[in-house]
Amino acid sequence: MSEDRIYRNKDDGEPGSVEPFRFNDEVAQVFPDMLRRSIPGYQASLEAIGSLAARYVQAGTHCYDLGCSLGAASIAMRQGIRNPDCRIFAIDHAPAMVRRCRQIVAADLEIEPGGAKIEVIQGNIRDVTFTNASMIVLNYTLQFLPIDQRDEMIARIFAGLNDGGVLVLSEKVVDSDPQMEKLLVDLHHEHKRRNDYSAMEIARKRAALETVLLPETVKDHRDRLLRSGFSSAAVWLRYFNFVSIIAIR
């Protein structure tokens, strides 16, 4: 696994001059390390996705990993699914991520050739028609869509889920209380410093993301899910300002 040194190596001067974050070849090479060191609780969320797949995925149905990046959630679902006749669609718009995802998925299939098949697709998740779905995962993906497009995205997901199907929505969030928001951000930055990110790396990464990653509150997400028709929605995992929500149709 390559080490994330993207914002240590860049000669970008002050944080304000950093280019917006992109899912390019440079990011694809270090993405697992970036997630491990940047998102507290990330591995726990993947393990739980596998457990939820074992519980909710039904024989002959489809699963979707939207904004799949390198396919970690797809592989977690595959490991949890007990029915080999299910299909997993891993979808991402970034060519660099899709190329690397296909390599990782192929390697995983060689290790465990049985079980559900994963189809890696390059495309825009807003163009996907969801059918016969028992599980859909948005693992830190919705936050990159414009806010005015998120209601439609969740409504389309709801429409494509079978009754009793489940959506896993993981997101970076903001707190409506400014004092609590500052505390959560400070704790997250301490976490990154403990994982060997320098203060300059943290500042540059934050500047790169501020125009492309648009977080909302937990209430915003839960209200949207319930408006779309989900019978229940609740946070099942939280670490600082990172949450994972499970919603059941």
C-alpha atoms as a PDB file:
ATOM      1  CA  MET A   1       0.000   0.000   0.000  1.00  0.00           C
ATOM      2  CA  SER A   2       1.476   3.331  -1.083  1.00  0.00           C
ATOM      3  CA  GLU A   3       1.723   6.083   1.532  1.00  0.00           C
ATOM      4  CA  ASP A   4      -0.273   9.272   1.136  1.00  0.00           C
ATOM      5  CA  ARG A   5       2.163  12.145   0.756  1.00  0.00           C
ATOM      6  CA  ILE A   6       0.184  14.125  -1.827  1.00  0.00           C
ATOM      7  CA  TYR A   7      -0.090  17.316   0.199  1.00  0.00           C
ATOM      8  CA  ARG A   8       3.361  17.001   1.701  1.00  0.00           C
ATOM      9  CA  ASN A   9       5.064  16.727  -1.667  1.00  0.00           C
ATOM     10  CA  LYS A  10       3.143  19.393  -3.554  1.00  0.00           C
ATOM     11  CA  ASP A  11       4.926  22.699  -4.014  1.00  0.00           C
ATOM     12  CA  ASP A  12       1.697  24.675  -3.718  1.00  0.00           C
ATOM     13  CA  GLY A  13       2.717  27.390  -1.310  1.00  0.00           C
ATOM     14  CA  GLU A  14      -0.015  28.448   1.070  1.00  0.00           C
ATOM     15  CA  PRO A  15      -3.160  26.287   1.538  1.00  0.00           C
ATOM     16  CA  GLY A  16      -5.320  28.801  -0.326  1.00  0.00           C
ATOM     17  CA  SER A  17      -3.460  28.118  -3.574  1.00  0.00           C
ATOM     18  CA  VAL A  18      -4.156  24.369  -3.592  1.00  0.00           C
ATOM     19  CA  GLU A  19      -6.181  23.025  -6.533  1.00  0.00           C
ATOM     20  CA  PRO A  20      -9.579  21.401  -5.837  1.00  0.00           C
ATOM     21  CA  PHE A  21      -9.425  17.722  -4.873  1.00  0.00           C
ATOM     22  CA  ARG A  22      -9.701  15.267  -7.766  1.00  0.00           C
ATOM     23  CA  PHE A  23      -9.928  11.476  -7.914  1.00  0.00           C
ATOM     24  CA  ASN A  24      -6.990  11.123 -10.304  1.00  0.00           C
ATOM     25  CA  ASP A  25      -4.167   8.586 -10.713  1.00  0.00           C
ATOM     26  CA  GLU A  26      -2.153  10.199  -7.916  1.00  0.00           C
ATOM     27  CA  VAL A  27      -5.037   9.784  -5.477  1.00  0.00           C
ATOM     28  CA  ALA A  28      -5.873   6.261  -6.678  1.00  0.00           C
ATOM     29  CA  GLN A  29      -2.345   5.082  -5.834  1.00  0.00           C
ATOM     30  CA  VAL A  30      -2.564   6.167  -2.192  1.00  0.00           C
ATOM     31  CA  PHE A  31      -6.328   6.068  -1.553  1.00  0.00           C
ATOM     32  CA  PRO A  32      -6.401   3.154   0.939  1.00  0.00           C
ATOM     33  CA  ASP A  33      -3.740   4.837   3.083  1.00  0.00           C
ATOM     34  CA  MET A  34      -5.530   8.189   2.771  1.00  0.00           C
ATOM     35  CA  LEU A  35      -8.785   6.681   4.055  1.00  0.00           C
ATOM     36  CA  ARG A  36      -7.106   4.733   6.843  1.00  0.00           C
ATOM     37  CA  ARG A  37      -5.343   7.807   8.203  1.00  0.00           C
ATOM     38  CA  SER A  38      -8.062  10.388   7.511  1.00  0.00           C
ATOM     39  CA  ILE A  39     -11.427   8.789   8.352  1.00  0.00           C
ATOM     40  CA  PRO A  40     -11.717   7.448  11.904  1.00  0.00           C
ATOM     41  CA  GLY A  41     -13.878   4.344  12.068  1.00  0.00           C
ATOM     42  CA  TYR A  42     -13.588   3.620   8.341  1.00  0.00           C
ATOM     43  CA  GLN A  43     -12.560  -0.027   8.767  1.00  0.00           C
ATOM     44  CA  ALA A  44     -15.345  -0.590  11.286  1.00  0.00           C
ATOM     45  CA  SER A  45     -17.874   0.721   8.776  1.00  0.00           C
ATOM     46  CA  LEU A  46     -16.640  -1.738   6.134  1.00  0.00           C
ATOM     47  CA  GLU A  47     -16.918  -4.654   8.546  1.00  0.00           C
ATOM     48  CA  ALA A  48     -20.466  -3.619   9.402  1.00  0.00           C
ATOM     49  CA  ILE A  49     -21.376  -3.350   5.687  1.00  0.00           C
ATOM     50  CA  GLY A  50     -20.433  -7.015   5.372  1.00  0.00           C
ATOM     51  CA  SER A  51     -22.603  -7.883   8.370  1.00  0.00           C
ATOM     52  CA  LEU A  52     -25.536  -5.914   6.965  1.00  0.00           C
ATOM     53  CA  ALA A  53     -25.132  -7.677   3.608  1.00  0.00           C
ATOM     54  CA  ALA A  54     -25.358 -11.039   5.352  1.00  0.00           C
ATOM     55  CA  ARG A  55     -28.575  -9.918   7.032  1.00  0.00           C
ATOM     56  CA  TYR A  56     -30.379  -8.021   4.259  1.00  0.00           C
ATOM     57  CA  VAL A  57     -29.226  -9.227   0.823  1.00  0.00           C
ATOM     58  CA  GLN A  58     -31.719 -11.663  -0.662  1.00  0.00           C
ATOM     59  CA  ALA A  59     -31.116 -14.394  -3.244  1.00  0.00           C
ATOM     60  CA  GLY A  60     -31.305 -13.248  -6.863  1.00  0.00           C
ATOM     61  CA  THR A  61     -31.171  -9.533  -6.056  1.00  0.00           C
ATOM     62  CA  HIS A  62     -28.806  -6.694  -6.910  1.00  0.00           C
ATOM     63  CA  CYS A  63     -26.475  -4.632  -4.738  1.00  0.00           C
ATOM     64  CA  TYR A  64     -25.005  -1.256  -5.681  1.00  0.00           C
ATOM     65  CA  ASP A  65     -21.850   0.463  -4.455  1.00  0.00           C
ATOM     66  CA  LEU A  66     -22.244   4.062  -5.622  1.00  0.00           C
ATOM     67  CA  GLY A  67     -19.051   6.080  -5.888  1.00  0.00           C
ATOM     68  CA  CYS A  68     -17.208   2.831  -5.283  1.00  0.00           C
ATOM     69  CA  SER A  69     -13.674   4.326  -5.507  1.00  0.00           C
ATOM     70  CA  LEU A  70     -11.436   1.236  -5.146  1.00  0.00           C
ATOM     71  CA  GLY A  71     -14.253  -1.175  -4.326  1.00  0.00           C
ATOM     72  CA  ALA A  72     -13.775  -1.659  -0.583  1.00  0.00           C
ATOM     73  CA  ALA A  73     -17.523  -1.591   0.158  1.00  0.00           C
ATOM     74  CA  SER A  74     -18.240  -3.913  -2.793  1.00  0.00           C
ATOM     75  CA  ILE A  75     -15.742  -6.453  -1.489  1.00  0.00           C
ATOM     76  CA  ALA A  76     -17.190  -6.115   2.025  1.00  0.00           C
ATOM     77  CA  MET A  77     -20.673  -6.834   0.652  1.00  0.00           C
ATOM     78  CA  ARG A  78     -19.392  -9.792  -1.341  1.00  0.00           C
ATOM     79  CA  GLN A  79     -17.757 -11.274   1.742  1.00  0.00           C
ATOM     80  CA  GLY A  80     -21.012 -10.993   3.666  1.00  0.00           C
ATOM     81  CA  ILE A  81     -23.445 -12.193   0.997  1.00  0.00           C
ATOM     82  CA  ARG A  82     -24.498 -15.810   1.441  1.00  0.00           C
ATOM     83  CA  ASN A  83     -26.183 -16.165  -1.971  1.00  0.00           C
ATOM     84  CA  PRO A  84     -23.808 -16.509  -4.950  1.00  0.00           C
ATOM     85  CA  ASP A  85     -26.565 -15.641  -7.449  1.00  0.00           C
ATOM     86  CA  CYS A  86     -26.562 -11.995  -6.351  1.00  0.00           C
ATOM     87  CA  ARG A  87     -24.870  -9.312  -8.450  1.00  0.00           C
ATOM     88  CA  ILE A  88     -22.911  -6.334  -7.141  1.00  0.00           C
ATOM     89  CA  PHE A  89     -22.553  -3.244  -9.318  1.00  0.00           C
ATOM     90  CA  ALA A  90     -19.613  -1.025  -8.342  1.00  0.00           C
ATOM     91  CA  ILE A  91     -19.958   2.357 -10.047  1.00  0.00           C
ATOM     92  CA  ASP A  92     -17.619   5.349 -10.135  1.00  0.00           C
ATOM     93  CA  HIS A  93     -17.155   8.259 -12.546  1.00  0.00           C
ATOM     94  CA  ALA A  94     -13.378   8.654 -12.151  1.00  0.00           C
ATOM     95  CA  PRO A  95     -11.378   6.644 -14.731  1.00  0.00           C
ATOM     96  CA  ALA A  96      -8.322   6.363 -12.457  1.00  0.00           C
ATOM     97  CA  MET A  97     -10.379   4.921  -9.611  1.00  0.00           C
ATOM     98  CA  VAL A  98     -12.209   2.507 -11.910  1.00  0.00           C
ATOM     99  CA  ARG A  99      -8.973   1.164 -13.407  1.00  0.00           C
ATOM    100  CA  ARG A 100      -7.488   0.500  -9.978  1.00  0.00           C
ATOM    101  CA  CYS A 101     -10.792  -0.867  -8.657  1.00  0.00           C
ATOM    102  CA  ARG A 102     -10.932  -3.468 -11.434  1.00  0.00           C
ATOM    103  CA  GLN A 103      -7.443  -4.651 -10.508  1.00  0.00           C
ATOM    104  CA  ILE A 104      -8.331  -4.957  -6.821  1.00  0.00           C
ATOM    105  CA  VAL A 105     -11.627  -6.730  -7.497  1.00  0.00           C
ATOM    106  CA  ALA A 106      -9.937  -9.168  -9.905  1.00  0.00           C
ATOM    107  CA  ALA A 107      -7.322  -9.987  -7.251  1.00  0.00           C
ATOM    108  CA  ASP A 108     -10.051 -10.561  -4.652  1.00  0.00           C
ATOM    109  CA  LEU A 109     -11.936 -12.883  -7.018  1.00  0.00           C
ATOM    110  CA  GLU A 110      -8.774 -14.923  -7.544  1.00  0.00           C
ATOM    111  CA  ILE A 111      -8.434 -15.411  -3.793  1.00  0.00           C
ATOM    112  CA  GLU A 112     -12.122 -16.283  -3.343  1.00  0.00           C
ATOM    113  CA  PRO A 113     -13.485 -17.325  -6.755  1.00  0.00           C
ATOM    114  CA  GLY A 114     -16.913 -18.354  -5.469  1.00  0.00           C
ATOM    115  CA  GLY A 115     -19.682 -16.073  -4.315  1.00  0.00           C
ATOM    116  CA  ALA A 116     -21.391 -13.032  -5.759  1.00  0.00           C
ATOM    117  CA  LYS A 117     -19.842 -11.389  -8.800  1.00  0.00           C
ATOM    118  CA  ILE A 118     -18.784  -7.728  -8.825  1.00  0.00           C
ATOM    119  CA  GLU A 119     -19.199  -5.722 -12.025  1.00  0.00           C
ATOM    120  CA  VAL A 120     -17.135  -2.515 -12.023  1.00  0.00           C
ATOM    121  CA  ILE A 121     -18.688   0.225 -14.149  1.00  0.00           C
ATOM    122  CA  GLN A 122     -17.393   3.654 -15.088  1.00  0.00           C
ATOM    123  CA  GLY A 123     -20.321   6.044 -15.100  1.00  0.00           C
ATOM    124  CA  ASN A 124     -22.271   8.760 -13.357  1.00  0.00           C
ATOM    125  CA  ILE A 125     -24.320   7.424 -10.458  1.00  0.00           C
ATOM    126  CA  ARG A 126     -27.039   9.954 -11.328  1.00  0.00           C
ATOM    127  CA  ASP A 127     -27.614   8.058 -14.586  1.00  0.00           C
ATOM    128  CA  VAL A 128     -28.039   4.627 -12.986  1.00  0.00           C
ATOM    129  CA  THR A 129     -31.414   2.897 -12.985  1.00  0.00           C
ATOM    130  CA  PHE A 130     -31.688   0.819  -9.821  1.00  0.00           C
ATOM    131  CA  THR A 131     -33.597  -2.457 -10.146  1.00  0.00           C
ATOM    132  CA  ASN A 132     -34.347  -5.364  -7.828  1.00  0.00           C
ATOM    133  CA  ALA A 133     -32.002  -3.955  -5.181  1.00  0.00           C
ATOM    134  CA  SER A 134     -31.761  -5.368  -1.682  1.00  0.00           C
ATOM    135  CA  MET A 135     -28.763  -3.232  -0.607  1.00  0.00           C
ATOM    136  CA  ILE A 136     -27.296   0.056  -1.800  1.00  0.00           C
ATOM    137  CA  VAL A 137     -24.206   1.713  -0.342  1.00  0.00           C
ATOM    138  CA  LEU A 138     -23.226   5.391  -0.543  1.00  0.00           C
ATOM    139  CA  ASN A 139     -19.943   5.322   1.344  1.00  0.00           C
ATOM    140  CA  TYR A 140     -18.762   8.950   1.571  1.00  0.00           C
ATOM    141  CA  THR A 141     -20.212   9.681  -1.880  1.00  0.00           C
ATOM    142  CA  LEU A 142     -23.332  11.827  -1.486  1.00  0.00           C
ATOM    143  CA  GLN A 143     -21.209  14.629   0.019  1.00  0.00           C
ATOM    144  CA  PHE A 144     -19.605  15.174  -3.400  1.00  0.00           C
ATOM    145  CA  LEU A 145     -22.918  15.759  -5.177  1.00  0.00           C
ATOM    146  CA  PRO A 146     -24.362  19.288  -5.352  1.00  0.00           C
ATOM    147  CA  ILE A 147     -26.825  19.665  -2.478  1.00  0.00           C
ATOM    148  CA  ASP A 148     -29.710  20.486  -4.812  1.00  0.00           C
ATOM    149  CA  GLN A 149     -29.269  17.078  -6.511  1.00  0.00           C
ATOM    150  CA  ARG A 150     -29.292  14.963  -3.355  1.00  0.00           C
ATOM    151  CA  ASP A 151     -33.063  14.730  -2.850  1.00  0.00           C
ATOM    152  CA  GLU A 152     -33.499  13.254  -6.326  1.00  0.00           C
ATOM    153  CA  MET A 153     -30.614  10.827  -5.795  1.00  0.00           C
ATOM    154  CA  ILE A 154     -32.068   9.453  -2.564  1.00  0.00           C
ATOM    155  CA  ALA A 155     -35.575   9.292  -4.046  1.00  0.00           C
ATOM    156  CA  ARG A 156     -34.287   7.236  -6.978  1.00  0.00           C
ATOM    157  CA  ILE A 157     -32.450   4.904  -4.615  1.00  0.00           C
ATOM    158  CA  PHE A 158     -35.621   4.413  -2.583  1.00  0.00           C
ATOM    159  CA  ALA A 159     -37.591   3.634  -5.732  1.00  0.00           C
ATOM    160  CA  GLY A 160     -35.058   0.984  -6.790  1.00  0.00           C
ATOM    161  CA  LEU A 161     -34.917  -0.829  -3.460  1.00  0.00           C
ATOM    162  CA  ASN A 162     -37.108  -3.831  -2.805  1.00  0.00           C
ATOM    163  CA  ASP A 163     -39.334  -3.756   0.270  1.00  0.00           C
ATOM    164  CA  GLY A 164     -37.152  -4.490   3.282  1.00  0.00           C
ATOM    165  CA  GLY A 165     -34.053  -3.362   1.377  1.00  0.00           C
ATOM    166  CA  VAL A 166     -31.377  -1.282   3.063  1.00  0.00           C
ATOM    167  CA  LEU A 167     -29.363   1.828   2.233  1.00  0.00           C
ATOM    168  CA  VAL A 168     -26.056   2.511   3.991  1.00  0.00           C
ATOM    169  CA  LEU A 169     -25.182   6.205   3.837  1.00  0.00           C
ATOM    170  CA  SER A 170     -21.813   7.254   5.253  1.00  0.00           C
ATOM    171  CA  GLU A 171     -20.922  10.950   5.277  1.00  0.00           C
ATOM    172  CA  LYS A 172     -18.788  13.636   6.799  1.00  0.00           C
ATOM    173  CA  VAL A 173     -21.204  15.935   8.614  1.00  0.00           C
ATOM    174  CA  VAL A 174     -21.335  19.352  10.226  1.00  0.00           C
ATOM    175  CA  ASP A 175     -22.908  20.189  13.563  1.00  0.00           C
ATOM    176  CA  SER A 176     -25.489  22.953  13.805  1.00  0.00           C
ATOM    177  CA  ASP A 177     -23.901  24.083  17.080  1.00  0.00           C
ATOM    178  CA  PRO A 178     -20.770  26.130  16.167  1.00  0.00           C
ATOM    179  CA  GLN A 179     -19.050  25.280  19.450  1.00  0.00           C
ATOM    180  CA  MET A 180     -19.575  21.550  18.946  1.00  0.00           C
ATOM    181  CA  GLU A 181     -18.552  21.800  15.285  1.00  0.00           C
ATOM    182  CA  LYS A 182     -15.247  23.416  16.273  1.00  0.00           C
ATOM    183  CA  LEU A 183     -14.623  20.675  18.844  1.00  0.00           C
ATOM    184  CA  LEU A 184     -15.319  17.887  16.336  1.00  0.00           C
ATOM    185  CA  VAL A 185     -13.062  19.472  13.706  1.00  0.00           C
ATOM    186  CA  ASP A 186     -10.276  19.914  16.261  1.00  0.00           C
ATOM    187  CA  LEU A 187     -10.590  16.273  17.375  1.00  0.00           C
ATOM    188  CA  HIS A 188     -10.465  15.117  13.766  1.00  0.00           C
ATOM    189  CA  HIS A 189      -7.344  17.155  13.089  1.00  0.00           C
ATOM    190  CA  GLU A 190      -5.736  15.684  16.212  1.00  0.00           C
ATOM    191  CA  HIS A 191      -6.572  12.231  14.835  1.00  0.00           C
ATOM    192  CA  LYS A 192      -4.840  13.092  11.553  1.00  0.00           C
ATOM    193  CA  ARG A 193      -1.783  14.445  13.343  1.00  0.00           C
ATOM    194  CA  ARG A 194      -1.545  11.186  15.301  1.00  0.00           C
ATOM    195  CA  ASN A 195      -1.536   9.440  11.926  1.00  0.00           C
ATOM    196  CA  ASP A 196       1.522  11.410  10.792  1.00  0.00           C
ATOM    197  CA  TYR A 197      -0.122  14.187   8.786  1.00  0.00           C
ATOM    198  CA  SER A 198       1.577  17.534   9.291  1.00  0.00           C
ATOM    199  CA  ALA A 199      -0.315  20.744  10.008  1.00  0.00           C
ATOM    200  CA  MET A 200       0.444  21.928   6.445  1.00  0.00           C
ATOM    201  CA  GLU A 201      -0.845  18.683   4.934  1.00  0.00           C
ATOM    202  CA  ILE A 202      -4.057  18.994   6.938  1.00  0.00           C
ATOM    203  CA  ALA A 203      -4.535  22.614   5.896  1.00  0.00           C
ATOM    204  CA  ARG A 204      -3.842  21.898   2.223  1.00  0.00           C
ATOM    205  CA  LYS A 205      -6.192  18.899   2.135  1.00  0.00           C
ATOM    206  CA  ARG A 206      -8.946  20.919   3.799  1.00  0.00           C
ATOM    207  CA  ALA A 207      -8.486  23.716   1.248  1.00  0.00           C
ATOM    208  CA  ALA A 208      -8.592  21.217  -1.623  1.00  0.00           C
ATOM    209  CA  LEU A 209     -11.861  19.722  -0.383  1.00  0.00           C
ATOM    210  CA  GLU A 210     -13.761  22.807   0.735  1.00  0.00           C
ATOM    211  CA  THR A 211     -15.358  23.493  -2.660  1.00  0.00           C
ATOM    212  CA  VAL A 212     -16.012  19.866  -3.661  1.00  0.00           C
ATOM    213  CA  LEU A 213     -17.060  18.161  -0.411  1.00  0.00           C
ATOM    214  CA  LEU A 214     -20.197  19.847   0.934  1.00  0.00           C
ATOM    215  CA  PRO A 215     -21.247  18.350   4.284  1.00  0.00           C
ATOM    216  CA  GLU A 216     -24.703  18.589   5.851  1.00  0.00           C
ATOM    217  CA  THR A 217     -26.039  17.892   9.338  1.00  0.00           C
ATOM    218  CA  VAL A 218     -27.255  14.488  10.497  1.00  0.00           C
ATOM    219  CA  LYS A 219     -30.754  15.982  10.668  1.00  0.00           C
ATOM    220  CA  ASP A 220     -30.539  17.053   7.017  1.00  0.00           C
ATOM    221  CA  HIS A 221     -29.698  13.502   5.988  1.00  0.00           C
ATOM    222  CA  ARG A 222     -32.279  11.812   8.184  1.00  0.00           C
ATOM    223  CA  ASP A 223     -35.037  14.206   7.104  1.00  0.00           C
ATOM    224  CA  ARG A 224     -34.212  13.585   3.433  1.00  0.00           C
ATOM    225  CA  LEU A 225     -34.333   9.817   3.908  1.00  0.00           C
ATOM    226  CA  LEU A 226     -37.701   9.926   5.664  1.00  0.00           C
ATOM    227  CA  ARG A 227     -39.126  12.356   3.070  1.00  0.00           C
ATOM    228  CA  SER A 228     -38.104   9.925   0.356  1.00  0.00           C
ATOM    229  CA  GLY A 229     -40.167   7.177   1.954  1.00  0.00           C
ATOM    230  CA  PHE A 230     -37.778   5.141   4.087  1.00  0.00           C
ATOM    231  CA  SER A 231     -39.621   3.624   7.036  1.00  0.00           C
ATOM    232  CA  SER A 232     -36.739   4.210   9.427  1.00  0.00           C
ATOM    233  CA  ALA A 233     -33.309   5.821   9.414  1.00  0.00           C
ATOM    234  CA  ALA A 234     -30.777   6.010  12.207  1.00  0.00           C
ATOM    235  CA  VAL A 235     -27.092   6.623  12.858  1.00  0.00           C
ATOM    236  CA  TRP A 236     -25.470   3.302  13.664  1.00  0.00           C
ATOM    237  CA  LEU A 237     -21.856   4.464  13.689  1.00  0.00           C
ATOM    238  CA  ARG A 238     -20.270   7.802  14.540  1.00  0.00           C
ATOM    239  CA  TYR A 239     -16.714   8.938  15.128  1.00  0.00           C
ATOM    240  CA  PHE A 240     -16.212  12.719  15.496  1.00  0.00           C
ATOM    241  CA  ASN A 241     -17.783  14.321  12.402  1.00  0.00           C
ATOM    242  CA  PHE A 242     -18.058  11.080  10.409  1.00  0.00           C
ATOM    243  CA  VAL A 243     -21.300   9.121  10.546  1.00  0.00           C
ATOM    244  CA  SER A 244     -22.893   6.125   8.927  1.00  0.00           C
ATOM    245  CA  ILE A 245     -26.666   5.943   8.671  1.00  0.00           C
ATOM    246  CA  ILE A 246     -28.756   2.874   7.937  1.00  0.00           C
ATOM    247  CA  ALA A 247     -32.138   3.408   6.261  1.00  0.00           C
ATOM    248  CA  ILE A 248     -34.653   0.616   5.697  1.00  0.00           C
ATOM    249  CA  ARG A 249     -37.356   0.660   3.068  1.00  0.00           C
END
